[in-house]
Amino acid sequence: MGDEAILNLNMLDFVFERHHDIELEGYALAGVLIIDFPKSKRRVAGRAQRIATPIILIMMLRAGQLPYDAKVYGWKDDIWPPNSDEITENEAVMKAWADKRTCIGVRANTDGRFSVDSHMLQQMGLAARTPSSQQ
């Protein structure tokens, strides 16, 4: 990928990866939301939460229309770069982008409340990782 692709990657605002297997436990929506907000060792900042909330609500509204294995990409100002497929299909590039961003586990109950489970606590650095979670 050239400089143009890297520049276009900076246009990526968020990625939501749906986890239907977790939804089967009784959630209206479950997955991982990665937002273009710098990763921090501290708790997720209020600004990051304000960015994430409307995205999660939109994903909840669309849940019935999303495939069970959906990945949703949000581009800044809703402008998709011409090489967006080249970017999103490159696992190494996406991993490098995600590793520097805030990752939020999403567990939305059917009543609209959000739950926190052990996997989410591990992602936030608030719970020890078990051997099975380090795979």
C-alpha atoms as a PDB file:
ATOM      1  CA  MET A   1       0.000   0.000   0.000  1.00  0.00           C
ATOM      2  CA  GLY A   2       1.275   3.386  -0.950  1.00  0.00           C
ATOM      3  CA  ASP A   3       1.100   6.814   0.668  1.00  0.00           C
ATOM      4  CA  GLU A   4      -2.368   7.430  -0.807  1.00  0.00           C
ATOM      5  CA  ALA A   5      -3.721   4.298   0.886  1.00  0.00           C
ATOM      6  CA  ILE A   6      -2.215   5.318   4.226  1.00  0.00           C
ATOM      7  CA  LEU A   7      -3.713   8.795   3.827  1.00  0.00           C
ATOM      8  CA  ASN A   8      -7.093   7.262   3.006  1.00  0.00           C
ATOM      9  CA  LEU A   9      -6.825   4.956   6.029  1.00  0.00           C
ATOM     10  CA  ASN A  10      -6.764   8.117   8.153  1.00  0.00           C
ATOM     11  CA  MET A  11     -10.271   8.794   6.834  1.00  0.00           C
ATOM     12  CA  LEU A  12     -11.565   5.723   8.698  1.00  0.00           C
ATOM     13  CA  ASP A  13     -13.717   6.819  11.632  1.00  0.00           C
ATOM     14  CA  PHE A  14     -14.846   3.491  13.117  1.00  0.00           C
ATOM     15  CA  VAL A  15     -15.218  -0.231  12.566  1.00  0.00           C
ATOM     16  CA  PHE A  16     -17.965  -2.291  14.173  1.00  0.00           C
ATOM     17  CA  GLU A  17     -17.647  -6.071  14.110  1.00  0.00           C
ATOM     18  CA  ARG A  18     -20.833  -7.892  15.047  1.00  0.00           C
ATOM     19  CA  HIS A  19     -20.612 -10.987  17.263  1.00  0.00           C
ATOM     20  CA  HIS A  20     -23.883 -12.836  16.765  1.00  0.00           C
ATOM     21  CA  ASP A  21     -22.683 -15.794  18.865  1.00  0.00           C
ATOM     22  CA  ILE A  22     -22.691 -13.499  21.899  1.00  0.00           C
ATOM     23  CA  GLU A  23     -26.083 -12.038  20.940  1.00  0.00           C
ATOM     24  CA  LEU A  24     -27.509 -15.539  21.289  1.00  0.00           C
ATOM     25  CA  GLU A  25     -26.926 -15.151  25.043  1.00  0.00           C
ATOM     26  CA  GLY A  26     -29.826 -12.677  25.077  1.00  0.00           C
ATOM     27  CA  TYR A  27     -28.345  -9.432  23.758  1.00  0.00           C
ATOM     28  CA  ALA A  28     -29.965  -7.195  21.169  1.00  0.00           C
ATOM     29  CA  LEU A  29     -26.503  -6.389  19.816  1.00  0.00           C
ATOM     30  CA  ALA A  30     -22.981  -7.568  20.627  1.00  0.00           C
ATOM     31  CA  GLY A  31     -19.640  -6.927  19.052  1.00  0.00           C
ATOM     32  CA  VAL A  32     -16.537  -4.820  19.103  1.00  0.00           C
ATOM     33  CA  LEU A  33     -16.440  -1.143  18.202  1.00  0.00           C
ATOM     34  CA  ILE A  34     -13.094   0.368  17.288  1.00  0.00           C
ATOM     35  CA  ILE A  35     -13.170   4.135  17.078  1.00  0.00           C
ATOM     36  CA  ASP A  36     -10.606   6.571  15.749  1.00  0.00           C
ATOM     37  CA  PHE A  37      -9.645   7.731  19.207  1.00  0.00           C
ATOM     38  CA  PRO A  38      -6.125   7.181  20.568  1.00  0.00           C
ATOM     39  CA  LYS A  39      -5.727   4.101  22.765  1.00  0.00           C
ATOM     40  CA  SER A  40      -5.066   4.867  26.423  1.00  0.00           C
ATOM     41  CA  LYS A  41      -3.954   2.822  29.410  1.00  0.00           C
ATOM     42  CA  ARG A  42      -6.540   4.666  31.481  1.00  0.00           C
ATOM     43  CA  ARG A  43     -10.298   4.284  31.387  1.00  0.00           C
ATOM     44  CA  VAL A  44     -12.024   5.256  28.167  1.00  0.00           C
ATOM     45  CA  ALA A  45     -12.332   8.998  28.162  1.00  0.00           C
ATOM     46  CA  GLY A  46     -15.717  10.704  28.247  1.00  0.00           C
ATOM     47  CA  ARG A  47     -15.085  12.046  24.744  1.00  0.00           C
ATOM     48  CA  ALA A  48     -14.566   8.512  23.412  1.00  0.00           C
ATOM     49  CA  GLN A  49     -17.795   7.411  25.074  1.00  0.00           C
ATOM     50  CA  ARG A  50     -19.648  10.362  23.510  1.00  0.00           C
ATOM     51  CA  ILE A  51     -18.292   9.332  20.098  1.00  0.00           C
ATOM     52  CA  ALA A  52     -19.198   5.666  20.613  1.00  0.00           C
ATOM     53  CA  THR A  53     -22.761   6.042  21.935  1.00  0.00           C
ATOM     54  CA  PRO A  54     -24.462   7.260  18.732  1.00  0.00           C
ATOM     55  CA  ILE A  55     -22.584   4.661  16.658  1.00  0.00           C
ATOM     56  CA  ILE A  56     -23.787   1.889  18.972  1.00  0.00           C
ATOM     57  CA  LEU A  57     -27.357   3.186  18.843  1.00  0.00           C
ATOM     58  CA  ILE A  58     -27.279   3.224  15.033  1.00  0.00           C
ATOM     59  CA  MET A  59     -25.900  -0.339  14.988  1.00  0.00           C
ATOM     60  CA  MET A  60     -28.730  -1.394  17.321  1.00  0.00           C
ATOM     61  CA  LEU A  61     -31.284   0.096  14.937  1.00  0.00           C
ATOM     62  CA  ARG A  62     -29.662  -1.684  11.995  1.00  0.00           C
ATOM     63  CA  ALA A  63     -29.097  -5.011  13.796  1.00  0.00           C
ATOM     64  CA  GLY A  64     -32.071  -6.641  12.096  1.00  0.00           C
ATOM     65  CA  GLN A  65     -30.639  -5.702   8.699  1.00  0.00           C
ATOM     66  CA  LEU A  66     -27.014  -6.651   9.389  1.00  0.00           C
ATOM     67  CA  PRO A  67     -25.616 -10.062   8.493  1.00  0.00           C
ATOM     68  CA  TYR A  68     -24.640 -12.098  11.544  1.00  0.00           C
ATOM     69  CA  ASP A  69     -20.941 -11.685  10.685  1.00  0.00           C
ATOM     70  CA  ALA A  70     -21.168  -8.013   9.684  1.00  0.00           C
ATOM     71  CA  LYS A  71     -18.292  -5.589   9.736  1.00  0.00           C
ATOM     72  CA  VAL A  72     -19.406  -2.002   9.350  1.00  0.00           C
ATOM     73  CA  TYR A  73     -16.914   0.687   8.357  1.00  0.00           C
ATOM     74  CA  GLY A  74     -17.603   4.338   9.056  1.00  0.00           C
ATOM     75  CA  TRP A  75     -15.637   6.890   7.077  1.00  0.00           C
ATOM     76  CA  LYS A  76     -15.185  10.502   8.161  1.00  0.00           C
ATOM     77  CA  ASP A  77     -17.871  12.763   6.694  1.00  0.00           C
ATOM     78  CA  ASP A  78     -19.339   9.579   5.141  1.00  0.00           C
ATOM     79  CA  ILE A  79     -16.854   9.851   2.253  1.00  0.00           C
ATOM     80  CA  TRP A  80     -15.517   6.484   1.088  1.00  0.00           C
ATOM     81  CA  PRO A  81     -12.073   6.644  -0.524  1.00  0.00           C
ATOM     82  CA  PRO A  82     -11.827   5.007  -3.960  1.00  0.00           C
ATOM     83  CA  ASN A  83      -9.541   2.301  -2.552  1.00  0.00           C
ATOM     84  CA  SER A  84     -11.659   1.511   0.519  1.00  0.00           C
ATOM     85  CA  ASP A  85     -11.862  -2.207  -0.353  1.00  0.00           C
ATOM     86  CA  GLU A  86      -8.074  -2.373  -0.663  1.00  0.00           C
ATOM     87  CA  ILE A  87      -7.818  -0.898   2.831  1.00  0.00           C
ATOM     88  CA  THR A  88     -10.527  -2.862   4.632  1.00  0.00           C
ATOM     89  CA  GLU A  89      -9.591  -6.220   3.106  1.00  0.00           C
ATOM     90  CA  ASN A  90      -5.942  -5.914   4.170  1.00  0.00           C
ATOM     91  CA  GLU A  91      -5.829  -7.593   7.595  1.00  0.00           C
ATOM     92  CA  ALA A  92      -2.324  -6.338   8.447  1.00  0.00           C
ATOM     93  CA  VAL A  93      -3.268  -2.734   7.722  1.00  0.00           C
ATOM     94  CA  MET A  94      -6.537  -2.972   9.651  1.00  0.00           C
ATOM     95  CA  LYS A  95      -4.802  -4.613  12.640  1.00  0.00           C
ATOM     96  CA  ALA A  96      -2.151  -1.878  12.689  1.00  0.00           C
ATOM     97  CA  TRP A  97      -4.894   0.770  12.580  1.00  0.00           C
ATOM     98  CA  ALA A  98      -6.957  -0.940  15.320  1.00  0.00           C
ATOM     99  CA  ASP A  99      -3.972  -1.499  17.613  1.00  0.00           C
ATOM    100  CA  LYS A 100      -3.621   2.278  18.023  1.00  0.00           C
ATOM    101  CA  ARG A 101      -7.319   3.016  18.533  1.00  0.00           C
ATOM    102  CA  THR A 102      -9.863   2.648  21.325  1.00  0.00           C
ATOM    103  CA  CYS A 103     -11.602  -0.717  21.283  1.00  0.00           C
ATOM    104  CA  ILE A 104     -14.976  -0.976  23.042  1.00  0.00           C
ATOM    105  CA  GLY A 105     -16.867  -4.197  23.652  1.00  0.00           C
ATOM    106  CA  VAL A 106     -20.569  -3.756  22.919  1.00  0.00           C
ATOM    107  CA  ARG A 107     -23.206  -5.722  24.822  1.00  0.00           C
ATOM    108  CA  ALA A 108     -26.596  -4.053  24.395  1.00  0.00           C
ATOM    109  CA  ASN A 109     -29.506  -5.659  26.217  1.00  0.00           C
ATOM    110  CA  THR A 110     -32.959  -5.810  24.668  1.00  0.00           C
ATOM    111  CA  ASP A 111     -34.088  -3.098  27.110  1.00  0.00           C
ATOM    112  CA  GLY A 112     -31.443  -0.688  25.772  1.00  0.00           C
ATOM    113  CA  ARG A 113     -29.060  -1.009  28.706  1.00  0.00           C
ATOM    114  CA  PHE A 114     -25.410  -1.844  28.228  1.00  0.00           C
ATOM    115  CA  SER A 115     -23.653  -4.634  30.109  1.00  0.00           C
ATOM    116  CA  VAL A 116     -19.988  -5.213  30.870  1.00  0.00           C
ATOM    117  CA  ASP A 117     -18.581  -8.731  30.816  1.00  0.00           C
ATOM    118  CA  SER A 118     -15.158 -10.156  31.657  1.00  0.00           C
ATOM    119  CA  HIS A 119     -13.931  -9.920  28.061  1.00  0.00           C
ATOM    120  CA  MET A 120     -14.710  -6.212  28.022  1.00  0.00           C
ATOM    121  CA  LEU A 121     -12.970  -5.693  31.363  1.00  0.00           C
ATOM    122  CA  GLN A 122      -9.877  -7.432  29.964  1.00  0.00           C
ATOM    123  CA  GLN A 123      -9.916  -5.149  26.916  1.00  0.00           C
ATOM    124  CA  MET A 124      -9.997  -2.127  29.215  1.00  0.00           C
ATOM    125  CA  GLY A 125      -7.143  -3.515  31.314  1.00  0.00           C
ATOM    126  CA  LEU A 126      -9.385  -3.775  34.390  1.00  0.00           C
ATOM    127  CA  ALA A 127      -9.300  -7.590  34.656  1.00  0.00           C
ATOM    128  CA  ALA A 128      -6.514 -10.139  34.355  1.00  0.00           C
ATOM    129  CA  ARG A 129      -6.264 -12.032  31.091  1.00  0.00           C
ATOM    130  CA  THR A 130      -6.817 -15.751  31.303  1.00  0.00           C
ATOM    131  CA  PRO A 131      -4.799 -18.168  29.120  1.00  0.00           C
ATOM    132  CA  SER A 132      -7.833 -18.711  26.847  1.00  0.00           C
ATOM    133  CA  SER A 133      -8.332 -14.938  26.350  1.00  0.00           C
ATOM    134  CA  GLN A 134      -4.741 -14.431  25.161  1.00  0.00           C
ATOM    135  CA  GLN A 135      -5.172 -16.452  21.968  1.00  0.00           C
END
